[in-house]
Protein backbone atom coordinates (compact mmCIF):
# COMPACT_ATOMS: atom_id res chain seq x y z
CA MET A 1 205.57 57.64 114.15
CA ASP A 2 204.36 58.54 110.65
CA TYR A 3 207.45 59.28 108.56
CA PHE A 4 204.91 59.76 105.30
CA LEU A 5 206.69 57.71 103.05
CA THR A 6 205.18 57.40 99.74
CA GLU A 7 203.42 54.17 98.22
CA GLU A 8 206.68 52.98 97.30
CA GLN A 9 208.98 53.62 99.68
CA ALA A 10 206.22 51.62 102.12
CA MET A 11 206.49 48.64 99.72
CA ILE A 12 210.06 49.05 99.73
CA ARG A 13 210.31 48.92 104.15
CA ASP A 14 208.00 45.77 103.80
CA LEU A 15 209.81 44.08 101.41
CA ALA A 16 213.25 44.38 103.16
CA ARG A 17 210.65 43.44 106.25
CA GLN A 18 209.50 40.54 104.98
CA ILE A 19 213.15 38.98 104.12
CA ALA A 20 214.48 39.90 107.28
CA GLU A 21 211.52 38.25 109.20
CA GLU A 22 211.30 34.83 107.01
CA LYS A 23 215.48 34.68 105.74
CA ILE A 24 217.60 36.41 108.00
CA VAL A 25 215.59 35.96 112.02
CA PRO A 26 216.02 32.08 111.17
CA VAL A 27 219.87 31.55 110.50
CA ARG A 28 221.51 34.80 112.00
CA ARG A 29 222.16 32.85 114.89
CA GLU A 30 223.83 29.99 113.09
CA LEU A 31 225.64 32.65 110.44
CA ASP A 32 227.09 34.47 113.40
CA GLU A 33 228.22 31.31 114.87
CA LYS A 34 230.17 29.75 111.52
CA GLU A 35 230.82 33.47 111.18
CA GLU A 36 229.25 32.05 107.68
CA PHE A 37 228.91 35.11 104.40
CA PRO A 38 225.26 35.24 103.83
CA ARG A 39 225.49 34.52 100.28
CA GLU A 40 222.29 32.60 99.43
CA ILE A 41 220.40 35.56 101.47
CA MET A 42 222.27 38.31 99.07
CA LYS A 43 221.13 36.29 95.70
CA MET A 44 217.39 36.44 97.60
CA MET A 45 217.55 40.04 97.56
CA ALA A 46 219.14 40.72 94.44
CA GLN A 47 216.22 38.49 93.20
CA ALA A 48 213.80 41.22 95.30
CA ASP A 49 215.75 43.99 93.37
CA LEU A 50 217.16 45.41 96.33
CA PHE A 51 220.58 46.19 95.65
CA GLY A 52 219.11 48.38 92.71
CA LEU A 53 217.81 50.64 94.79
CA PHE A 54 220.51 53.36 94.23
CA ILE A 55 221.07 52.37 91.01
CA PRO A 56 220.08 54.70 88.15
CA GLU A 57 217.42 53.32 85.55
CA GLU A 58 219.42 53.44 82.92
CA TYR A 59 221.45 51.40 84.21
CA GLY A 60 219.18 49.14 85.01
CA GLY A 61 218.40 49.98 88.89
CA LEU A 62 216.04 51.37 90.49
CA GLY A 63 216.18 55.10 90.28
CA LYS A 64 215.66 55.73 93.62
CA GLY A 65 217.94 57.83 96.30
CA SER A 66 219.43 57.67 99.85
CA LEU A 67 216.39 57.29 102.09
CA GLU A 68 215.16 54.29 99.95
CA LEU A 69 218.50 52.33 100.54
CA CYS A 70 218.10 53.45 104.59
CA ILE A 71 214.67 52.54 104.64
CA ALA A 72 216.09 48.64 103.45
CA VAL A 73 218.99 49.00 105.35
CA GLU A 74 217.31 49.98 108.76
CA GLU A 75 214.92 46.26 108.25
CA LEU A 76 218.11 44.55 107.50
CA SER A 77 219.75 45.61 110.55
CA ARG A 78 216.75 45.00 112.48
CA ALA A 79 217.49 41.73 111.65
CA CYS A 80 221.18 41.18 111.39
CA LEU A 81 223.58 43.85 111.33
CA GLY A 82 226.25 41.38 109.69
CA VAL A 83 223.24 40.56 106.47
CA SER A 84 223.05 44.48 106.47
CA THR A 85 226.86 45.27 106.44
CA THR A 86 227.50 43.30 103.45
CA TYR A 87 224.40 44.64 101.73
CA ALA A 88 224.93 48.28 102.71
CA ALA A 89 229.66 47.91 102.17
CA ASN A 90 227.84 47.32 98.58
CA ALA A 91 226.43 50.47 98.29
CA LEU A 92 229.53 52.11 99.59
CA GLY A 93 232.12 50.38 97.43
CA SER A 94 229.51 51.44 94.36
CA TYR A 95 229.17 55.08 94.96
CA PRO A 96 232.56 56.20 94.05
CA ILE A 97 231.66 55.00 90.45
CA LEU A 98 228.66 56.27 90.77
CA LEU A 99 229.34 59.83 92.25
CA PHE A 100 232.54 60.29 90.03
CA GLY A 101 232.68 56.98 87.47
CA SER A 102 232.85 57.57 83.29
CA ASP A 103 229.91 56.49 80.95
CA GLU A 104 232.38 54.00 80.38
CA GLN A 105 232.66 52.32 83.69
CA LYS A 106 229.04 53.14 84.99
CA LYS A 107 227.61 51.10 81.14
CA LYS A 108 230.21 48.18 82.42
CA TYR A 109 229.52 48.27 86.39
CA LEU A 110 226.25 49.59 87.26
CA PRO A 111 224.11 47.28 85.60
CA ASP A 112 225.76 44.32 87.24
CA ILE A 113 226.01 45.88 90.34
CA ALA A 114 222.23 46.83 90.11
CA SER A 115 221.25 42.70 89.70
CA GLY A 116 223.45 41.38 92.57
CA LYS A 117 225.21 39.68 89.89
CA ARG A 118 228.65 41.40 91.33
CA LEU A 119 229.00 42.62 95.11
CA VAL A 120 231.50 45.27 95.74
CA ALA A 121 234.00 46.63 98.12
CA PHE A 122 235.36 49.79 99.38
CA GLY A 123 239.27 49.38 100.09
CA LEU A 124 240.23 52.97 102.11
CA THR A 125 241.62 51.83 105.08
CA GLU A 126 245.21 50.40 105.79
CA ALA A 127 247.15 49.72 109.17
CA ASN A 128 248.56 52.97 109.28
CA ALA A 129 244.98 55.10 107.73
CA GLY A 130 242.62 54.30 109.93
CA SER A 131 241.03 58.30 111.55
CA ASP A 132 244.14 59.15 109.54
CA ALA A 133 242.61 58.42 105.89
CA ALA A 134 245.41 60.65 104.36
CA GLY A 135 247.72 58.73 106.37
CA ILE A 136 247.34 55.32 103.09
CA GLN A 137 251.04 53.92 101.37
CA THR A 138 249.20 52.27 99.04
CA THR A 139 250.51 53.02 95.30
CA ALA A 140 249.33 53.89 91.88
CA LYS A 141 252.18 54.33 89.26
CA LEU A 142 251.07 54.35 85.38
CA THR A 143 253.42 52.24 83.24
CA GLY A 144 252.52 52.37 79.85
CA ASN A 145 248.98 51.64 79.06
CA GLU A 146 248.35 50.50 83.01
CA TYR A 147 248.73 51.35 86.78
CA VAL A 148 250.40 48.80 88.98
CA LEU A 149 249.04 48.83 92.28
CA ASN A 150 251.21 47.71 95.53
CA GLY A 151 250.15 47.81 99.20
CA THR A 152 247.99 46.55 101.38
CA LYS A 153 244.46 47.35 102.42
CA GLN A 154 243.20 46.45 106.11
CA TRP A 155 239.30 45.54 107.61
CA ILE A 156 237.96 45.49 104.12
CA THR A 157 233.92 44.42 104.14
CA ASN A 158 232.75 42.15 101.18
CA GLY A 159 236.70 41.33 101.06
CA GLY A 160 237.74 37.89 99.22
CA GLU A 161 233.57 37.36 98.82
CA ALA A 162 232.93 40.55 96.09
CA GLU A 163 233.95 40.88 92.66
CA VAL A 164 234.72 44.49 91.81
CA TYR A 165 236.57 46.84 93.98
CA THR A 166 237.02 50.45 94.09
CA ILE A 167 240.14 51.71 95.85
CA ILE A 168 242.03 54.50 96.71
CA ALA A 169 245.75 54.36 96.01
CA LEU A 170 248.75 57.10 95.76
CA THR A 171 249.69 58.28 93.03
CA ASP A 172 251.78 61.27 93.74
CA LYS A 173 253.23 60.87 97.01
CA THR A 174 255.01 64.20 97.08
CA LYS A 175 251.68 65.76 97.41
CA GLY A 176 249.95 63.43 100.28
CA PRO A 177 246.12 63.88 100.02
CA ARG A 178 246.00 65.38 96.58
CA GLY A 179 248.26 62.35 95.24
CA ALA A 180 245.32 59.98 96.11
CA SER A 181 243.69 58.76 93.23
CA ALA A 182 240.29 56.03 92.81
CA PHE A 183 240.55 52.83 90.66
CA ILE A 184 237.88 49.86 89.97
CA VAL A 185 240.25 46.76 90.40
CA GLU A 186 238.26 43.45 89.93
CA LYS A 187 238.97 39.96 91.68
CA GLY A 188 240.86 37.74 89.50
CA THR A 189 243.21 40.25 88.42
CA LYS A 190 246.51 39.00 88.36
CA GLY A 191 248.85 40.53 91.41
CA PHE A 192 245.47 41.52 93.69
CA THR A 193 245.15 38.74 96.13
CA PHE A 194 243.46 38.55 99.84
CA GLY A 195 245.32 38.34 103.00
CA LYS A 196 243.50 36.58 106.18
CA LYS A 197 239.93 36.45 107.34
CA GLU A 198 238.95 38.97 110.37
CA GLU A 199 237.74 37.15 113.69
CA LYS A 200 235.80 39.36 114.31
CA MET A 201 233.39 40.55 117.71
CA GLY A 202 230.40 41.00 115.97
CA ILE A 203 229.16 41.27 112.41
CA ARG A 204 230.42 37.42 111.93
CA ALA A 205 228.15 36.91 109.02
CA SER A 206 230.29 39.93 107.35
CA SER A 207 232.89 38.72 105.29
CA THR A 208 236.44 41.27 106.68
CA THR A 209 240.07 40.61 104.85
CA GLU A 210 243.08 42.69 103.44
CA LEU A 211 243.71 43.45 99.95
CA ILE A 212 247.05 42.84 99.03
CA PHE A 213 248.75 44.28 95.68
CA GLU A 214 252.25 43.16 94.57
CA ASN A 215 252.46 44.52 91.38
CA CYS A 216 248.44 44.35 90.21
CA ARG A 217 247.57 45.99 86.80
CA ILE A 218 244.78 47.79 85.85
CA PRO A 219 244.21 49.16 82.49
CA LYS A 220 244.85 53.07 82.98
CA GLU A 221 240.25 53.29 82.03
CA ASN A 222 239.78 51.68 85.54
CA LEU A 223 241.27 55.22 86.85
CA ILE A 224 238.34 57.01 88.93
CA ALA A 225 237.97 60.59 87.62
CA LYS A 226 241.55 61.76 87.29
CA GLU A 227 245.04 61.21 89.08
CA GLY A 228 244.78 63.54 92.17
CA MET A 229 240.69 63.13 93.43
CA GLY A 230 240.75 60.22 95.33
CA PHE A 231 240.73 61.95 98.88
CA VAL A 232 238.03 64.31 97.30
CA VAL A 233 236.36 60.17 95.90
CA ALA A 234 236.15 58.73 99.30
CA MET A 235 235.24 61.61 101.13
CA LYS A 236 231.99 62.56 99.22
CA THR A 237 231.59 58.68 99.48
CA LEU A 238 231.58 58.91 102.65
CA ASP A 239 229.65 61.73 102.80
CA ASN A 240 226.90 59.42 100.84
CA SER A 241 226.70 56.45 102.60
CA ARG A 242 227.23 57.33 106.77
CA GLY A 243 223.22 58.06 106.78
CA GLY A 244 223.22 54.35 105.46
CA VAL A 245 225.67 53.08 108.85
CA GLY A 246 222.97 55.52 111.16
CA ALA A 247 219.98 53.60 109.26
CA GLN A 248 221.63 50.26 110.62
CA GLY A 249 222.12 51.79 114.32
CA VAL A 250 218.34 52.95 114.36
CA GLY A 251 217.15 49.43 113.23
CA VAL A 252 219.97 46.81 115.58
CA ALA A 253 217.45 49.30 118.36
CA GLN A 254 214.47 49.05 116.96
CA GLY A 255 215.27 45.10 117.19
CA ALA A 256 217.26 45.27 120.46
CA PHE A 257 214.25 46.79 121.60
CA GLU A 258 210.73 44.88 120.64
CA GLU A 259 213.19 41.72 122.43
CA ALA A 260 213.33 43.79 125.92
CA VAL A 261 209.67 44.66 125.50
CA LYS A 262 208.45 41.20 124.95
CA PHE A 263 210.47 40.25 127.36
CA ALA A 264 209.50 42.24 129.52
CA LYS A 265 205.93 40.96 129.57
CA GLN A 266 206.87 37.79 130.13
CA ARG A 267 208.76 37.81 132.62
CA VAL A 268 207.30 37.78 136.08
CA GLN A 269 208.87 38.81 139.54
CA PHE A 270 207.57 39.55 142.80
CA GLY A 271 204.33 38.59 141.06
CA HIS A 272 204.01 40.86 138.97
CA PRO A 273 205.97 41.17 135.23
CA VAL A 274 208.53 43.35 135.00
CA ILE A 275 207.51 45.28 132.89
CA SER A 276 205.23 47.13 135.64
CA PHE A 277 207.88 47.99 137.23
CA GLN A 278 208.89 52.11 136.75
CA ALA A 279 212.70 51.71 136.59
CA VAL A 280 211.70 48.81 133.92
CA GLN A 281 209.25 51.63 132.16
CA HIS A 282 212.27 54.18 132.55
CA MET A 283 214.50 52.32 130.27
CA LEU A 284 212.31 51.60 127.45
CA ALA A 285 210.67 54.91 127.42
CA ASP A 286 214.29 56.26 127.13
CA MET A 287 214.87 53.74 124.17
CA ALA A 288 211.94 54.24 122.28
CA THR A 289 212.73 57.88 122.74
CA ASP A 290 216.19 57.45 121.30
CA ILE A 291 215.05 55.37 118.67
CA GLU A 292 212.29 58.22 117.19
CA ALA A 293 215.35 60.62 117.53
CA ALA A 294 217.72 58.61 115.74
CA ARG A 295 215.36 57.31 112.81
CA ALA A 296 213.91 61.09 112.14
CA LEU A 297 217.51 62.17 111.83
CA VAL A 298 218.60 59.72 109.89
CA TYR A 299 216.01 60.11 107.49
CA ALA A 300 215.79 63.90 107.39
CA VAL A 301 219.54 63.83 106.35
CA ALA A 302 218.41 60.98 104.05
CA ARG A 303 216.16 62.71 102.01
CA PHE A 304 219.03 66.58 102.26
CA ILE A 305 221.33 64.29 100.19
CA ASP A 306 218.60 62.99 97.84
CA SER A 307 217.63 66.91 97.86
CA GLY A 308 220.93 67.76 95.82
CA ALA A 309 222.68 69.41 98.11
CA LYS A 310 226.40 70.05 97.60
CA ASP A 311 227.69 70.04 101.65
CA VAL A 312 226.30 67.49 103.45
CA THR A 313 229.43 66.31 105.39
CA LYS A 314 228.72 67.86 108.59
CA GLU A 315 224.61 66.45 108.49
CA SER A 316 225.54 63.20 107.30
CA ALA A 317 228.22 62.84 110.59
CA MET A 318 225.60 63.93 112.56
CA ALA A 319 222.80 61.31 111.34
CA LYS A 320 226.41 58.71 111.38
CA VAL A 321 226.99 59.76 115.45
CA PHE A 322 224.20 60.12 117.36
CA ALA A 323 222.04 57.01 115.40
CA THR A 324 225.29 54.72 116.07
CA ASP A 325 225.39 55.88 119.83
CA VAL A 326 221.52 55.56 120.11
CA GLY A 327 222.11 51.78 118.38
CA MET A 328 224.97 51.34 121.34
CA ARG A 329 223.11 52.35 124.40
CA VAL A 330 219.32 51.14 122.95
CA THR A 331 221.55 47.35 122.24
CA THR A 332 223.19 47.55 126.01
CA ASN A 333 219.90 48.35 127.72
CA ALA A 334 218.05 45.71 126.27
CA VAL A 335 220.13 43.11 127.77
CA GLN A 336 219.81 45.06 131.32
CA VAL A 337 216.25 44.87 130.76
CA MET A 338 216.52 41.02 129.92
CA GLY A 339 218.94 41.03 133.06
CA GLY A 340 220.75 37.24 132.39
CA SER A 341 218.87 36.06 130.34
CA GLY A 342 220.16 39.10 127.62
CA TYR A 343 223.25 37.73 128.45
CA MET A 344 222.82 34.48 126.59
CA ARG A 345 223.60 33.65 123.82
CA GLU A 346 219.68 31.96 123.69
CA TYR A 347 218.25 35.69 123.30
CA PRO A 348 219.20 37.84 120.02
CA VAL A 349 219.64 41.08 122.26
CA GLU A 350 223.81 39.29 123.40
CA LYS A 351 224.69 39.37 119.12
CA MET A 352 222.84 43.29 118.54
CA MET A 353 225.17 44.06 121.53
CA ARG A 354 228.12 42.60 119.91
CA ASP A 355 227.15 43.23 116.87
CA ALA A 356 226.22 47.11 117.63
CA LYS A 357 229.72 48.44 118.37
CA ILE A 358 231.08 48.87 115.14
CA LEU A 359 228.56 51.59 114.28
CA GLN A 360 230.38 53.62 116.60
CA ILE A 361 234.02 52.72 114.60
CA TYR A 362 233.53 51.51 111.19
CA GLU A 363 233.23 54.57 108.32
CA GLY A 364 235.10 56.97 111.19
CA THR A 365 235.22 56.23 114.46
CA ASN A 366 232.37 58.89 116.58
CA GLN A 367 235.05 60.36 117.95
CA ILE A 368 235.71 61.60 113.91
CA GLN A 369 232.46 62.38 113.45
CA ARG A 370 232.23 64.72 116.36
CA ASN A 371 235.55 66.08 114.84
CA VAL A 372 234.19 66.89 111.45
CA ILE A 373 231.28 68.55 112.85
CA GLY A 374 233.04 70.95 115.26
CA GLN A 375 235.44 72.00 111.96
CA ALA A 376 231.93 72.45 110.39
CA ILE A 377 230.79 74.41 112.74
CA THR A 378 233.60 76.55 113.86
CA LYS A 379 234.17 77.26 109.51
CA LYS A 380 230.32 78.62 109.79
CA HIS A 381 230.17 80.89 112.98
CA LYS A 382 234.11 82.84 112.13
């Protein structure tokens, strides 16, 4: 379908696709098997100005919005979700500064983020605070001109590799979620270390680690917004980023669909290519329809976010839940269409299916997204 992209948006799509096909596809299996962080690919993407897409021009970016970011993420995800997760998580970590940072914080950090010089990560999840994000226990205590952080963050994408971290910690335990605040912590700060690098089912090129804070002292100027705003910062950040997770679902589904069609044309059984069998055609028809529906929703929600709408929580959750369910369903069916070959590592759909599962889990499980959507509906129709 024609989504009436502007000339500039089409150029972004074509550039991301070129990088995906020329730089990512040839090494995606090796990156996956070695669990190797794609730093060289990140450098290439930085040279192509992809890290500056969503950063305002005054801070060295291109001044684009959620739609352009989703377009780029989708194309990268067609090739490898591990690589696209590294890229998309950089945006996730940047949103707290972009949305709530002071002028000084934006001037200090956004130019380096836009140029790709410094990668970013977002630290919210903890061992006892996953779906229940309000259950965080990491603390930040103001002592003189510094905040002292103590606690551990878990399963942090880009952990250990990023140079800048946006962290949600409690400044007042007695207030629950209203006692949370957001901070900027730089790699190399004394008292800030990294735990084990996780061994994952999929997205193995992406680094996932613990963040450990032991009397980690940061300047009080590293507080984002003001004390007590942490939970709002986190939720608004996720509202803006979940469309990108939906774009990942669309991208990996598209990549798997293309592999399945190519294989079905070549694979001959009973004297005919399997694509001529109605059972296979119906599977491919459903896959193609799901992908177009998911893409339409993701692009529409991205445009809604870019319109400046104040409340995008329900729509962002819809884009995430629908498109990532599509990503899982289509990659699974691509393996089925390809039969035994699809199950082999020689073909990329095996990896795509493993990778796709995380999309239904991170940045809020799809069950939690349905809660969010349901609560919004209930609130509106009282």
